[in-house]
């Protein structure tokens, strides 16, 4: 018992020295700063990944598993896509903007991807696609590249960014809930960081 307790007492918490809690979304100037750096460095893989992460608002586990056929209509990237979320097993639809389509098509051509290939293959032989841990490291690198404290941000930053911008512009909570694929309004409220009472009031006002 003493040995077990001693071991437990010496165990280092996984989050020691790390900031936990809600990760803030990126602001427009920060989005453009990262995008510009990726363009200037001709990093077509990460530019496509960054743009798609912003547009899709997908969780890391869903983004890293995307295949070419999920976003392409024939040989071209479509303006919309729909995928099944692993966490909720519910479909979610998202828009793919023109600049994201262009960056994706450039990456697909450069990589020579086929319809059943993963959009972002892993560079490790053990995995067919980018892992969520690898993706997290890429996100932290993006954040640090523009002088922000990368420990305050994470993969959920990418998921929250466009949703927060849309909410700020429209105040339409129901629309954001659909875009994020949330089953509960409370989940959307937590993501946006607004008060529950205010959220419910606004939701009632936007119902048709």
Protein backbone atom coordinates (compact mmCIF):
# COMPACT_ATOMS: atom_id res chain seq x y z
CA UNK A 1 0.00 0.00 0.00
CA UNK A 2 2.78 2.40 0.91
CA UNK A 3 4.56 1.66 -2.37
CA UNK A 4 1.38 2.22 -4.36
CA UNK A 5 0.66 5.46 -2.54
CA UNK A 6 4.24 6.57 -3.02
CA UNK A 7 4.02 5.95 -6.74
CA UNK A 8 0.73 7.80 -6.97
CA UNK A 9 2.22 10.68 -5.02
CA UNK A 10 5.18 10.95 -7.40
CA UNK A 11 3.07 10.79 -10.53
CA UNK A 12 3.24 14.04 -12.52
CA UNK A 13 -0.17 15.35 -13.70
CA UNK A 14 -0.53 15.32 -17.50
CA UNK A 15 -1.46 19.01 -17.52
CA UNK A 16 1.32 20.27 -15.23
CA UNK A 17 2.69 23.51 -16.62
CA UNK A 18 0.05 23.64 -19.35
CA UNK A 19 -2.87 26.02 -19.76
CA UNK A 20 -6.14 24.13 -19.76
CA UNK A 21 -9.68 25.22 -20.51
CA UNK A 22 -11.30 26.79 -23.54
CA UNK A 23 -8.90 27.61 -26.35
CA UNK A 24 -9.45 31.05 -27.90
CA UNK A 25 -10.29 31.40 -31.60
CA UNK A 26 -8.02 33.23 -33.99
CA UNK A 27 -8.81 36.81 -34.98
CA UNK A 28 -8.93 37.90 -38.61
CA UNK A 29 -5.50 39.60 -38.58
CA UNK A 30 -4.00 36.44 -37.04
CA UNK A 31 -5.62 34.24 -39.69
CA UNK A 32 -4.14 36.36 -42.45
CA UNK A 33 -0.74 36.51 -40.75
CA UNK A 34 -0.48 32.71 -40.65
CA UNK A 35 -1.87 32.35 -44.17
CA UNK A 36 0.62 34.88 -45.54
CA UNK A 37 3.56 33.13 -43.88
CA UNK A 38 2.52 29.78 -45.36
CA UNK A 39 2.12 31.35 -48.81
CA UNK A 40 5.51 33.07 -48.63
CA UNK A 41 7.20 29.82 -47.62
CA UNK A 42 5.40 27.95 -50.47
CA UNK A 43 4.18 25.38 -47.94
CA UNK A 44 1.26 24.14 -50.04
CA UNK A 45 0.49 21.21 -47.73
CA UNK A 46 0.08 23.28 -44.59
CA UNK A 47 -1.64 26.13 -46.45
CA UNK A 48 -4.29 23.68 -47.68
CA UNK A 49 -4.56 22.19 -44.19
CA UNK A 50 -4.87 25.57 -42.50
CA UNK A 51 -7.50 26.88 -44.92
CA UNK A 52 -9.55 23.69 -44.72
CA UNK A 53 -9.33 23.59 -40.91
CA UNK A 54 -10.76 27.13 -40.76
CA UNK A 55 -13.52 26.50 -43.31
CA UNK A 56 -14.60 23.05 -42.14
CA UNK A 57 -14.75 23.73 -38.39
CA UNK A 58 -14.08 20.02 -37.92
CA UNK A 59 -12.59 18.32 -34.88
CA UNK A 60 -8.99 17.21 -35.34
CA UNK A 61 -10.03 13.54 -35.54
CA UNK A 62 -12.36 14.30 -38.46
CA UNK A 63 -10.08 16.72 -40.29
CA UNK A 64 -7.10 14.36 -40.31
CA UNK A 65 -9.23 11.50 -41.72
CA UNK A 66 -10.62 13.42 -44.68
CA UNK A 67 -10.15 11.74 -48.03
CA UNK A 68 -9.93 13.43 -51.41
CA UNK A 69 -13.39 12.10 -52.32
CA UNK A 70 -14.87 13.86 -49.28
CA UNK A 71 -14.15 17.30 -50.72
CA UNK A 72 -13.91 16.69 -54.47
CA UNK A 73 -16.56 16.48 -57.14
CA UNK A 74 -14.76 14.65 -59.89
CA UNK A 75 -11.35 16.23 -60.35
CA UNK A 76 -12.25 19.51 -58.70
CA UNK A 77 -12.80 20.55 -55.09
CA UNK A 78 -16.46 21.35 -54.49
CA UNK A 79 -17.91 24.44 -52.88
CA UNK A 80 -19.53 22.31 -50.16
CA UNK A 81 -18.79 19.05 -48.42
CA UNK A 82 -20.51 16.77 -45.94
CA UNK A 83 -18.81 14.32 -43.58
CA UNK A 84 -19.87 12.01 -40.77
CA UNK A 85 -18.50 13.09 -37.41
CA UNK A 86 -16.74 10.36 -35.46
CA UNK A 87 -17.76 11.68 -32.07
CA UNK A 88 -21.50 12.06 -32.68
CA UNK A 89 -22.01 9.85 -35.75
CA UNK A 90 -23.99 12.71 -37.24
CA UNK A 91 -23.32 14.35 -40.63
CA UNK A 92 -22.13 17.92 -40.78
CA UNK A 93 -21.93 20.13 -43.85
CA UNK A 94 -19.50 22.96 -44.50
CA UNK A 95 -18.65 25.50 -47.18
CA UNK A 96 -15.28 25.46 -48.93
CA UNK A 97 -14.31 28.98 -49.95
CA UNK A 98 -12.55 29.82 -53.20
CA UNK A 99 -9.12 30.34 -51.64
CA UNK A 100 -9.41 27.03 -49.82
CA UNK A 101 -10.42 25.26 -53.03
CA UNK A 102 -7.41 26.71 -54.82
CA UNK A 103 -4.97 25.69 -52.08
CA UNK A 104 -6.47 22.19 -51.88
CA UNK A 105 -6.29 21.67 -55.64
CA UNK A 106 -2.66 22.82 -55.67
CA UNK A 107 -1.85 20.33 -52.90
CA UNK A 108 -3.78 17.49 -54.57
CA UNK A 109 -1.92 18.07 -57.86
CA UNK A 110 1.46 18.30 -56.15
CA UNK A 111 0.87 15.11 -54.17
CA UNK A 112 -0.89 13.26 -57.00
CA UNK A 113 -3.72 12.17 -54.72
CA UNK A 114 -6.41 9.76 -55.86
CA UNK A 115 -10.07 9.78 -54.77
CA UNK A 116 -9.63 7.25 -51.96
CA UNK A 117 -6.37 8.75 -50.68
CA UNK A 118 -6.28 10.69 -47.42
CA UNK A 119 -5.94 14.41 -47.99
CA UNK A 120 -3.10 14.68 -45.53
CA UNK A 121 -1.06 11.46 -45.53
CA UNK A 122 1.24 10.84 -42.62
CA UNK A 123 4.96 11.06 -43.17
CA UNK A 124 5.29 8.07 -40.84
CA UNK A 125 4.84 4.61 -42.31
CA UNK A 126 2.90 3.41 -39.28
CA UNK A 127 -0.08 5.64 -40.06
CA UNK A 128 -1.90 6.19 -43.38
CA UNK A 129 -2.96 9.71 -42.46
CA UNK A 130 -1.81 12.58 -40.27
CA UNK A 131 -2.46 11.81 -36.61
CA UNK A 132 -4.24 14.21 -34.29
CA UNK A 133 -1.01 14.57 -32.30
CA UNK A 134 0.95 15.46 -35.44
CA UNK A 135 -1.77 17.94 -36.41
CA UNK A 136 -1.63 19.50 -32.92
CA UNK A 137 2.11 20.08 -33.32
CA UNK A 138 1.49 21.77 -36.68
CA UNK A 139 -1.15 24.04 -35.13
CA UNK A 140 1.21 25.06 -32.33
CA UNK A 141 3.85 25.86 -34.93
CA UNK A 142 1.40 28.10 -36.82
CA UNK A 143 0.52 29.98 -33.65
CA UNK A 144 4.12 30.44 -32.57
CA UNK A 145 5.13 31.66 -36.05
CA UNK A 146 3.14 34.89 -35.58
CA UNK A 147 4.44 35.59 -32.10
CA UNK A 148 1.53 34.28 -30.02
CA UNK A 149 1.88 32.07 -26.95
CA UNK A 150 1.16 28.69 -28.51
CA UNK A 151 0.41 27.10 -25.10
CA UNK A 152 -2.81 29.14 -24.97
CA UNK A 153 -4.06 27.70 -28.27
CA UNK A 154 -4.80 24.25 -29.67
CA UNK A 155 -6.61 22.28 -32.36
CA UNK A 156 -9.97 23.44 -31.02
CA UNK A 157 -8.80 26.97 -31.84
CA UNK A 158 -9.10 26.03 -35.50
CA UNK A 159 -12.56 24.54 -34.96
CA UNK A 160 -13.82 27.58 -33.08
CA UNK A 161 -12.38 30.34 -35.28
CA UNK A 162 -14.87 30.60 -38.13
CA UNK A 163 -17.81 29.72 -35.88
CA UNK A 164 -16.91 32.62 -33.61
CA UNK A 165 -16.57 35.00 -36.57
CA UNK A 166 -19.97 33.92 -37.93
CA UNK A 167 -21.62 34.30 -34.54
CA UNK A 168 -20.08 37.73 -34.01
CA UNK A 169 -21.44 38.84 -37.38
CA UNK A 170 -24.92 37.25 -37.25
CA UNK A 171 -25.70 36.49 -33.57
CA UNK A 172 -27.49 33.41 -34.96
CA UNK A 173 -26.84 30.74 -32.36
CA UNK A 174 -28.89 28.04 -34.09
CA UNK A 175 -26.95 28.47 -37.33
CA UNK A 176 -23.63 28.13 -35.52
CA UNK A 177 -24.92 25.05 -33.71
CA UNK A 178 -25.67 23.42 -37.08
CA UNK A 179 -22.34 24.46 -38.56
CA UNK A 180 -20.45 22.90 -35.64
CA UNK A 181 -22.60 19.77 -35.71
CA UNK A 182 -23.47 20.08 -32.03
CA UNK A 183 -26.38 18.02 -30.75
CA UNK A 184 -26.92 20.31 -27.75
CA UNK A 185 -27.21 24.06 -27.60
CA UNK A 186 -25.16 24.08 -24.41
CA UNK A 187 -22.16 22.76 -26.32
CA UNK A 188 -22.37 25.67 -28.75
CA UNK A 189 -22.73 28.12 -25.86
CA UNK A 190 -19.55 26.78 -24.24
CA UNK A 191 -17.70 26.98 -27.53
CA UNK A 192 -18.67 30.59 -28.06
CA UNK A 193 -18.03 31.54 -24.46
CA UNK A 194 -21.33 33.34 -23.94
CA UNK A 195 -23.78 33.24 -21.04
CA UNK A 196 -26.45 30.54 -21.16
CA UNK A 197 -29.36 32.91 -20.45
CA UNK A 198 -28.23 35.31 -23.17
CA UNK A 199 -27.78 32.41 -25.59
CA UNK A 200 -31.27 31.04 -24.97
CA UNK A 201 -32.81 34.46 -25.41
CA UNK A 202 -31.00 35.00 -28.71
CA UNK A 203 -31.93 31.50 -29.89
CA UNK A 204 -35.61 32.22 -29.30
CA UNK A 205 -35.31 35.44 -31.27
CA UNK A 206 -33.76 33.66 -34.26
CA UNK A 207 -36.28 30.83 -34.48
CA UNK A 208 -38.60 30.85 -37.51
